[in-house]
Amino acid sequence: MDKNVSPEIKAAARDLLGHYNRPGGTQPGGFRAGLFDIWMKADHLNPARLTIAFPEVAVAVNALRFGSDEELQDLAR
């Protein structure tokens, strides 16, 4: 994994891990937890809108949706 992952992406990855009770996670705040929930429910168009508004969170969410737990855990480190 790239050693130059921003602190914001690392925090989003840790919160996403925690949201799904996975190792290495932290409990997200209410807004971010709701954001994760809506992101996973979004149709094909709305994730693009969310990505524009929350690019750091998008990196973490996409690592989980299209990658693996290991990829998300790598981002969190």
N, C-alpha and C. Protein backbone atom coordinates (compact mmCIF):
# COMPACT_ATOMS: atom_id res chain seq x y z
N MET A 1 0.85 -1.19 0.00
CA MET A 1 0.00 0.00 0.00
C MET A 1 0.88 1.24 0.00
N ASP A 2 0.39 2.28 -0.61
CA ASP A 2 1.11 3.55 -0.69
C ASP A 2 1.35 4.10 0.71
N LYS A 3 2.57 4.44 1.01
CA LYS A 3 2.92 4.99 2.33
C LYS A 3 2.44 6.43 2.48
N ASN A 4 2.01 7.06 1.39
CA ASN A 4 1.61 8.46 1.42
C ASN A 4 0.10 8.65 1.52
N VAL A 5 -0.56 7.75 2.19
CA VAL A 5 -2.01 7.88 2.39
C VAL A 5 -2.24 9.02 3.38
N SER A 6 -3.14 9.91 3.05
CA SER A 6 -3.39 11.08 3.91
C SER A 6 -4.01 10.66 5.24
N PRO A 7 -3.82 11.49 6.27
CA PRO A 7 -4.44 11.20 7.57
C PRO A 7 -5.97 11.12 7.48
N GLU A 8 -6.55 11.91 6.58
CA GLU A 8 -8.01 11.91 6.43
C GLU A 8 -8.51 10.58 5.87
N ILE A 9 -7.77 10.02 4.90
CA ILE A 9 -8.15 8.72 4.34
C ILE A 9 -7.96 7.63 5.38
N LYS A 10 -6.86 7.70 6.13
CA LYS A 10 -6.62 6.71 7.20
C LYS A 10 -7.76 6.74 8.21
N ALA A 11 -8.18 7.94 8.61
CA ALA A 11 -9.26 8.07 9.58
C ALA A 11 -10.57 7.51 9.03
N ALA A 12 -10.86 7.81 7.77
CA ALA A 12 -12.08 7.28 7.14
C ALA A 12 -12.04 5.76 7.08
N ALA A 13 -10.88 5.21 6.75
CA ALA A 13 -10.75 3.75 6.68
C ALA A 13 -10.93 3.12 8.06
N ARG A 14 -10.34 3.72 9.09
CA ARG A 14 -10.52 3.18 10.45
C ARG A 14 -11.98 3.25 10.87
N ASP A 15 -12.63 4.38 10.56
CA ASP A 15 -14.05 4.51 10.91
C ASP A 15 -14.92 3.50 10.15
N LEU A 16 -14.61 3.26 8.90
CA LEU A 16 -15.39 2.28 8.13
C LEU A 16 -15.17 0.88 8.68
N LEU A 17 -13.95 0.55 9.05
CA LEU A 17 -13.70 -0.74 9.69
C LEU A 17 -14.51 -0.86 10.98
N GLY A 18 -14.50 0.18 11.78
CA GLY A 18 -15.25 0.17 13.04
C GLY A 18 -16.75 0.10 12.82
N HIS A 19 -17.22 0.76 11.79
CA HIS A 19 -18.66 0.76 11.48
C HIS A 19 -19.16 -0.67 11.24
N TYR A 20 -18.31 -1.48 10.65
CA TYR A 20 -18.67 -2.87 10.37
C TYR A 20 -18.02 -3.85 11.34
N ASN A 21 -17.58 -3.33 12.49
CA ASN A 21 -17.00 -4.15 13.57
C ASN A 21 -15.87 -5.05 13.08
N ARG A 22 -15.00 -4.47 12.29
CA ARG A 22 -13.86 -5.22 11.77
C ARG A 22 -12.60 -4.81 12.53
N PRO A 23 -11.62 -5.71 12.60
CA PRO A 23 -10.39 -5.41 13.34
C PRO A 23 -9.71 -4.14 12.84
N GLY A 24 -9.16 -3.37 13.78
CA GLY A 24 -8.44 -2.16 13.44
C GLY A 24 -9.31 -0.94 13.29
N GLY A 25 -10.60 -1.09 13.57
CA GLY A 25 -11.53 0.02 13.37
C GLY A 25 -11.75 0.87 14.60
N THR A 26 -12.26 2.06 14.35
CA THR A 26 -12.69 2.98 15.40
C THR A 26 -14.17 3.28 15.18
N GLN A 27 -14.86 3.61 16.23
CA GLN A 27 -16.29 3.90 16.11
C GLN A 27 -16.48 5.27 15.47
N PRO A 28 -17.16 5.34 14.32
CA PRO A 28 -17.37 6.64 13.69
C PRO A 28 -18.44 7.44 14.42
N GLY A 29 -18.38 8.75 14.21
CA GLY A 29 -19.43 9.62 14.73
C GLY A 29 -20.73 9.39 13.97
N GLY A 30 -21.79 9.99 14.45
CA GLY A 30 -23.11 9.78 13.86
C GLY A 30 -23.22 10.19 12.41
N PHE A 31 -22.63 11.33 12.04
CA PHE A 31 -22.71 11.77 10.65
C PHE A 31 -21.99 10.81 9.73
N ARG A 32 -20.76 10.43 10.11
CA ARG A 32 -19.99 9.54 9.24
C ARG A 32 -20.64 8.16 9.17
N ALA A 33 -21.19 7.68 10.28
CA ALA A 33 -21.89 6.38 10.25
C ALA A 33 -23.07 6.44 9.29
N GLY A 34 -23.83 7.53 9.34
CA GLY A 34 -24.94 7.71 8.41
C GLY A 34 -24.48 7.81 6.97
N LEU A 35 -23.35 8.48 6.78
CA LEU A 35 -22.78 8.60 5.44
C LEU A 35 -22.40 7.23 4.89
N PHE A 36 -21.79 6.39 5.72
CA PHE A 36 -21.45 5.03 5.27
C PHE A 36 -22.72 4.26 4.89
N ASP A 37 -23.76 4.38 5.72
CA ASP A 37 -25.00 3.66 5.43
C ASP A 37 -25.62 4.12 4.11
N ILE A 38 -25.70 5.43 3.91
CA ILE A 38 -26.32 5.93 2.68
C ILE A 38 -25.48 5.57 1.47
N TRP A 39 -24.16 5.56 1.63
CA TRP A 39 -23.27 5.23 0.51
C TRP A 39 -23.52 3.80 0.04
N MET A 40 -23.69 2.89 0.99
CA MET A 40 -23.89 1.49 0.63
C MET A 40 -25.28 1.24 0.03
N LYS A 41 -26.23 2.15 0.28
CA LYS A 41 -27.58 2.00 -0.25
C LYS A 41 -27.78 2.77 -1.56
N ALA A 42 -26.82 3.59 -1.92
CA ALA A 42 -26.98 4.48 -3.07
C ALA A 42 -27.08 3.72 -4.39
N ASP A 43 -27.89 4.27 -5.29
CA ASP A 43 -27.98 3.70 -6.63
C ASP A 43 -26.71 4.02 -7.41
N HIS A 44 -26.70 3.74 -8.68
CA HIS A 44 -25.48 3.89 -9.48
C HIS A 44 -25.02 5.33 -9.66
N LEU A 45 -25.90 6.31 -9.57
CA LEU A 45 -25.54 7.71 -9.78
C LEU A 45 -25.06 8.41 -8.51
N ASN A 46 -25.68 8.14 -7.41
CA ASN A 46 -25.39 8.89 -6.19
C ASN A 46 -24.01 8.66 -5.58
N PRO A 47 -23.38 7.49 -5.71
CA PRO A 47 -22.01 7.39 -5.20
C PRO A 47 -21.06 8.40 -5.86
N ALA A 48 -21.30 8.72 -7.12
CA ALA A 48 -20.47 9.73 -7.78
C ALA A 48 -20.65 11.10 -7.13
N ARG A 49 -21.87 11.42 -6.77
CA ARG A 49 -22.13 12.69 -6.08
C ARG A 49 -21.47 12.71 -4.70
N LEU A 50 -21.58 11.59 -4.00
CA LEU A 50 -20.95 11.50 -2.69
C LEU A 50 -19.43 11.60 -2.80
N THR A 51 -18.87 11.04 -3.85
CA THR A 51 -17.42 11.10 -4.06
C THR A 51 -16.95 12.54 -4.24
N ILE A 52 -17.72 13.34 -4.94
CA ILE A 52 -17.36 14.75 -5.13
C ILE A 52 -17.36 15.47 -3.79
N ALA A 53 -18.34 15.19 -2.96
CA ALA A 53 -18.47 15.88 -1.68
C ALA A 53 -17.51 15.35 -0.61
N PHE A 54 -17.21 14.05 -0.67
CA PHE A 54 -16.40 13.41 0.38
C PHE A 54 -15.33 12.51 -0.25
N PRO A 55 -14.33 13.10 -0.91
CA PRO A 55 -13.36 12.27 -1.64
C PRO A 55 -12.54 11.34 -0.76
N GLU A 56 -12.20 11.76 0.46
CA GLU A 56 -11.41 10.90 1.34
C GLU A 56 -12.21 9.68 1.77
N VAL A 57 -13.48 9.89 2.06
CA VAL A 57 -14.34 8.78 2.44
C VAL A 57 -14.53 7.84 1.25
N ALA A 58 -14.59 8.40 0.05
CA ALA A 58 -14.77 7.59 -1.16
C ALA A 58 -13.63 6.58 -1.32
N VAL A 59 -12.42 6.99 -1.01
CA VAL A 59 -11.28 6.07 -1.13
C VAL A 59 -11.50 4.86 -0.23
N ALA A 60 -11.91 5.10 1.01
CA ALA A 60 -12.14 4.00 1.95
C ALA A 60 -13.32 3.13 1.53
N VAL A 61 -14.43 3.76 1.17
CA VAL A 61 -15.62 3.00 0.78
C VAL A 61 -15.33 2.15 -0.45
N ASN A 62 -14.64 2.72 -1.43
CA ASN A 62 -14.34 1.96 -2.64
C ASN A 62 -13.36 0.82 -2.38
N ALA A 63 -12.46 1.01 -1.43
CA ALA A 63 -11.55 -0.08 -1.07
C ALA A 63 -12.34 -1.27 -0.53
N LEU A 64 -13.39 -1.00 0.24
CA LEU A 64 -14.21 -2.07 0.79
C LEU A 64 -15.16 -2.64 -0.27
N ARG A 65 -15.82 -1.77 -1.03
CA ARG A 65 -16.81 -2.24 -2.02
C ARG A 65 -16.19 -3.00 -3.17
N PHE A 66 -15.05 -2.53 -3.63
CA PHE A 66 -14.46 -3.11 -4.84
C PHE A 66 -13.14 -3.82 -4.59
N GLY A 67 -12.66 -3.77 -3.35
CA GLY A 67 -11.41 -4.42 -2.99
C GLY A 67 -11.65 -5.51 -1.97
N SER A 68 -11.05 -5.35 -0.81
CA SER A 68 -11.15 -6.37 0.23
C SER A 68 -10.97 -5.73 1.60
N ASP A 69 -11.27 -6.50 2.64
CA ASP A 69 -11.00 -6.04 4.00
C ASP A 69 -9.53 -5.71 4.17
N GLU A 70 -8.67 -6.52 3.56
CA GLU A 70 -7.23 -6.30 3.70
C GLU A 70 -6.81 -4.97 3.08
N GLU A 71 -7.40 -4.64 1.95
CA GLU A 71 -7.08 -3.36 1.31
C GLU A 71 -7.52 -2.20 2.20
N LEU A 72 -8.70 -2.31 2.79
CA LEU A 72 -9.19 -1.27 3.69
C LEU A 72 -8.30 -1.18 4.93
N GLN A 73 -7.90 -2.32 5.48
CA GLN A 73 -7.01 -2.31 6.65
C GLN A 73 -5.67 -1.69 6.31
N ASP A 74 -5.17 -1.92 5.11
CA ASP A 74 -3.92 -1.29 4.69
C ASP A 74 -4.06 0.23 4.65
N LEU A 75 -5.20 0.73 4.19
CA LEU A 75 -5.42 2.17 4.18
C LEU A 75 -5.45 2.74 5.59
N ALA A 76 -5.97 1.98 6.52
CA ALA A 76 -6.13 2.45 7.90
C ALA A 76 -4.81 2.54 8.66
N ARG A 77 -3.79 1.84 8.19
CA ARG A 77 -2.49 1.83 8.90
C ARG A 77 -1.69 3.07 8.64
